[in-house]
Amino acid sequence: MPVRIQSEDFDAGREIAALRRDNPGIGAIASFIGVVRDVNGGERVAEMTLEHYPGMTEKSIAGIIDQAKSRWSVFDTLVVHRVGWLKPLDQIVLVVVTGAHRGDAFAACEFIMDYLKTRAPFWKKEQTIEGERWVEARASDDIAAERWRLKG
């Protein structure tokens, strides 16, 4: 399954090895790992909780993977996204794309990640010194995602 939502950590090396296994046509693997930072918006972050709507989240991400595969020549993709309680230095998300060439793999990986940051149905709450707060998408993330919109 190209989409997994889980509370457990993941091993990026193992995930990449499994995705590329038995495909000698792969010439490129593009990946991204998101990690919890200890500061956001100038405030210290002690912990973060990620929530999602089971079933809807996986379907939404699978749809964006289908879009990526229709735009770029790639072989396979994987998205592993964690939910639940996380602390600074914990891995949050892994996006992996395999293809024959790096350009398509990089573009598809970035497209998927931009979608995850702006439109995937996750809700993020941070615990700071000031208390709890829900985290909104940043304007810079929205701008990055906007470049992928099809014109016409």
Protein backbone atom coordinates (compact mmCIF):
# COMPACT_ATOMS: atom_id res chain seq x y z
CA MET A 1 0.00 0.00 0.00
CA PRO A 2 1.50 3.35 -0.98
CA VAL A 3 -0.03 5.18 2.02
CA ARG A 4 0.39 4.28 5.68
CA ILE A 5 -0.80 6.31 8.65
CA GLN A 6 0.72 5.04 11.88
CA SER A 7 1.80 6.04 15.36
CA GLU A 8 5.01 3.98 15.26
CA ASP A 9 8.32 5.33 13.97
CA PHE A 10 9.63 4.16 10.59
CA ASP A 11 13.00 3.08 9.21
CA ALA A 12 13.55 5.12 6.04
CA GLY A 13 16.34 2.87 4.76
CA ARG A 14 14.20 -0.24 5.12
CA GLU A 15 11.21 1.46 3.48
CA ILE A 16 13.29 2.64 0.50
CA ALA A 17 14.92 -0.78 0.07
CA ALA A 18 11.51 -2.47 0.00
CA LEU A 19 10.14 0.02 -2.54
CA ARG A 20 13.00 -0.42 -5.00
CA ARG A 21 13.38 -4.18 -4.60
CA ASP A 22 13.23 -6.19 -7.82
CA ASN A 23 12.97 -3.23 -10.22
CA PRO A 24 16.17 -2.87 -12.27
CA GLY A 25 14.59 0.00 -14.24
CA ILE A 26 14.85 2.36 -11.27
CA GLY A 27 17.51 5.00 -11.88
CA ALA A 28 16.37 7.52 -9.26
CA ILE A 29 14.93 7.54 -5.79
CA ALA A 30 13.77 10.87 -4.36
CA SER A 31 12.80 11.04 -0.72
CA PHE A 32 11.83 13.49 1.98
CA ILE A 33 11.74 13.02 5.74
CA GLY A 34 9.96 15.56 7.92
CA VAL A 35 11.09 15.90 11.54
CA VAL A 36 9.57 17.65 14.58
CA ARG A 37 11.43 20.90 15.37
CA ASP A 38 11.78 22.35 18.85
CA VAL A 39 10.81 25.87 17.69
CA ASN A 40 7.91 27.05 15.55
CA GLY A 41 7.07 30.69 14.96
CA GLY A 42 9.65 31.76 17.52
CA GLU A 43 8.11 29.67 20.32
CA ARG A 44 9.65 26.57 21.89
CA VAL A 45 7.73 23.39 21.14
CA ALA A 46 7.74 20.73 23.85
CA GLU A 47 5.53 18.25 22.01
CA MET A 48 3.07 17.95 19.17
CA THR A 49 -0.05 15.90 18.60
CA LEU A 50 -1.16 14.99 15.08
CA GLU A 51 -4.75 13.90 14.51
CA HIS A 52 -6.46 12.63 11.38
CA TYR A 53 -9.72 11.19 10.14
CA PRO A 54 -9.07 7.45 9.48
CA GLY A 55 -10.06 6.36 6.00
CA MET A 56 -10.49 9.89 4.68
CA THR A 57 -6.81 10.71 5.18
CA GLU A 58 -5.54 7.64 3.32
CA LYS A 59 -8.00 8.18 0.47
CA SER A 60 -7.01 11.84 0.15
CA ILE A 61 -3.27 11.04 0.02
CA ALA A 62 -3.83 8.16 -2.42
CA GLY A 63 -5.60 10.66 -4.69
CA ILE A 64 -2.64 13.02 -4.70
CA ILE A 65 -0.31 10.10 -5.44
CA ASP A 66 -2.51 9.24 -8.44
CA GLN A 67 -2.18 12.85 -9.62
CA ALA A 68 1.61 12.71 -9.25
CA LYS A 69 1.75 9.48 -11.25
CA SER A 70 -0.35 11.03 -14.01
CA ARG A 71 1.90 14.13 -14.21
CA TRP A 72 5.33 12.50 -14.04
CA SER A 73 6.85 9.26 -15.24
CA VAL A 74 7.47 7.46 -11.95
CA PHE A 75 7.37 3.81 -10.98
CA ASP A 76 6.20 3.77 -7.41
CA THR A 77 5.55 5.97 -4.39
CA LEU A 78 5.26 5.61 -0.65
CA VAL A 79 3.92 7.97 2.00
CA VAL A 80 4.28 7.06 5.67
CA HIS A 81 2.76 9.67 7.99
CA ARG A 82 2.79 9.44 11.75
CA VAL A 83 -0.03 10.52 14.04
CA GLY A 84 -0.37 10.79 17.79
CA TRP A 85 2.02 12.33 20.27
CA LEU A 86 5.46 13.38 18.94
CA LYS A 87 8.39 15.27 20.42
CA PRO A 88 11.26 17.26 18.88
CA LEU A 89 13.62 15.11 16.78
CA ASP A 90 10.88 12.52 16.06
CA GLN A 91 10.26 11.68 12.40
CA ILE A 92 6.82 12.75 11.18
CA VAL A 93 6.60 11.87 7.50
CA LEU A 94 8.40 9.92 4.79
CA VAL A 95 7.74 10.45 1.07
CA VAL A 96 9.58 8.23 -1.41
CA VAL A 97 9.27 8.24 -5.20
CA THR A 98 11.08 5.90 -7.60
CA GLY A 99 11.55 6.54 -11.30
CA ALA A 100 13.86 6.05 -14.23
CA HIS A 101 15.18 9.61 -13.99
CA ARG A 102 15.77 12.11 -11.16
CA GLY A 103 13.77 15.03 -12.59
CA ASP A 104 10.43 13.24 -12.51
CA ALA A 105 11.20 11.60 -9.15
CA PHE A 106 12.16 14.94 -7.54
CA ALA A 107 9.13 16.77 -8.95
CA ALA A 108 6.67 14.09 -7.89
CA CYS A 109 8.18 13.90 -4.40
CA GLU A 110 7.99 17.68 -3.95
CA PHE A 111 4.43 17.78 -5.32
CA ILE A 112 3.27 15.13 -2.84
CA MET A 113 5.00 16.85 0.07
CA ASP A 114 3.55 20.27 -0.81
CA TYR A 115 0.09 18.68 -0.79
CA LEU A 116 0.72 17.03 2.58
CA LYS A 117 1.73 20.38 4.09
CA THR A 118 -1.30 22.29 2.83
CA ARG A 119 -4.27 20.09 2.03
CA ALA A 120 -4.01 16.67 3.64
CA PRO A 121 -6.57 16.17 6.42
CA PHE A 122 -4.25 16.31 9.42
CA TRP A 123 -4.67 18.53 12.45
CA LYS A 124 -1.58 19.55 14.37
CA LYS A 125 -1.57 20.81 17.95
CA GLU A 126 1.64 22.03 19.61
CA GLN A 127 2.37 22.30 23.30
CA THR A 128 4.45 25.43 23.98
CA ILE A 129 5.40 27.35 27.11
CA GLU A 130 2.41 29.58 26.36
CA GLY A 131 0.07 26.57 26.24
CA GLU A 132 -1.56 24.51 23.51
CA ARG A 133 -2.21 25.87 20.03
CA TRP A 134 -3.53 24.50 16.76
CA VAL A 135 -1.10 24.99 13.89
CA GLU A 136 -2.32 26.46 10.60
CA ALA A 137 -0.66 26.00 7.21
CA ARG A 138 1.93 28.68 6.51
CA ALA A 139 1.48 31.16 3.68
CA SER A 140 4.82 30.01 2.25
CA ASP A 141 3.51 26.43 2.09
CA ASP A 142 0.37 27.60 0.28
CA ILE A 143 2.51 29.54 -2.23
CA ALA A 144 4.68 26.46 -2.83
CA ALA A 145 1.62 24.28 -3.45
CA GLU A 146 0.01 26.86 -5.74
CA ARG A 147 2.71 26.40 -8.40
CA TRP A 148 1.42 22.88 -9.06
CA ARG A 149 -2.07 24.03 -10.05
CA LEU A 150 -2.85 23.28 -13.65
CA LYS A 151 -3.57 26.40 -15.66
CA GLY A 152 -6.14 26.49 -18.38
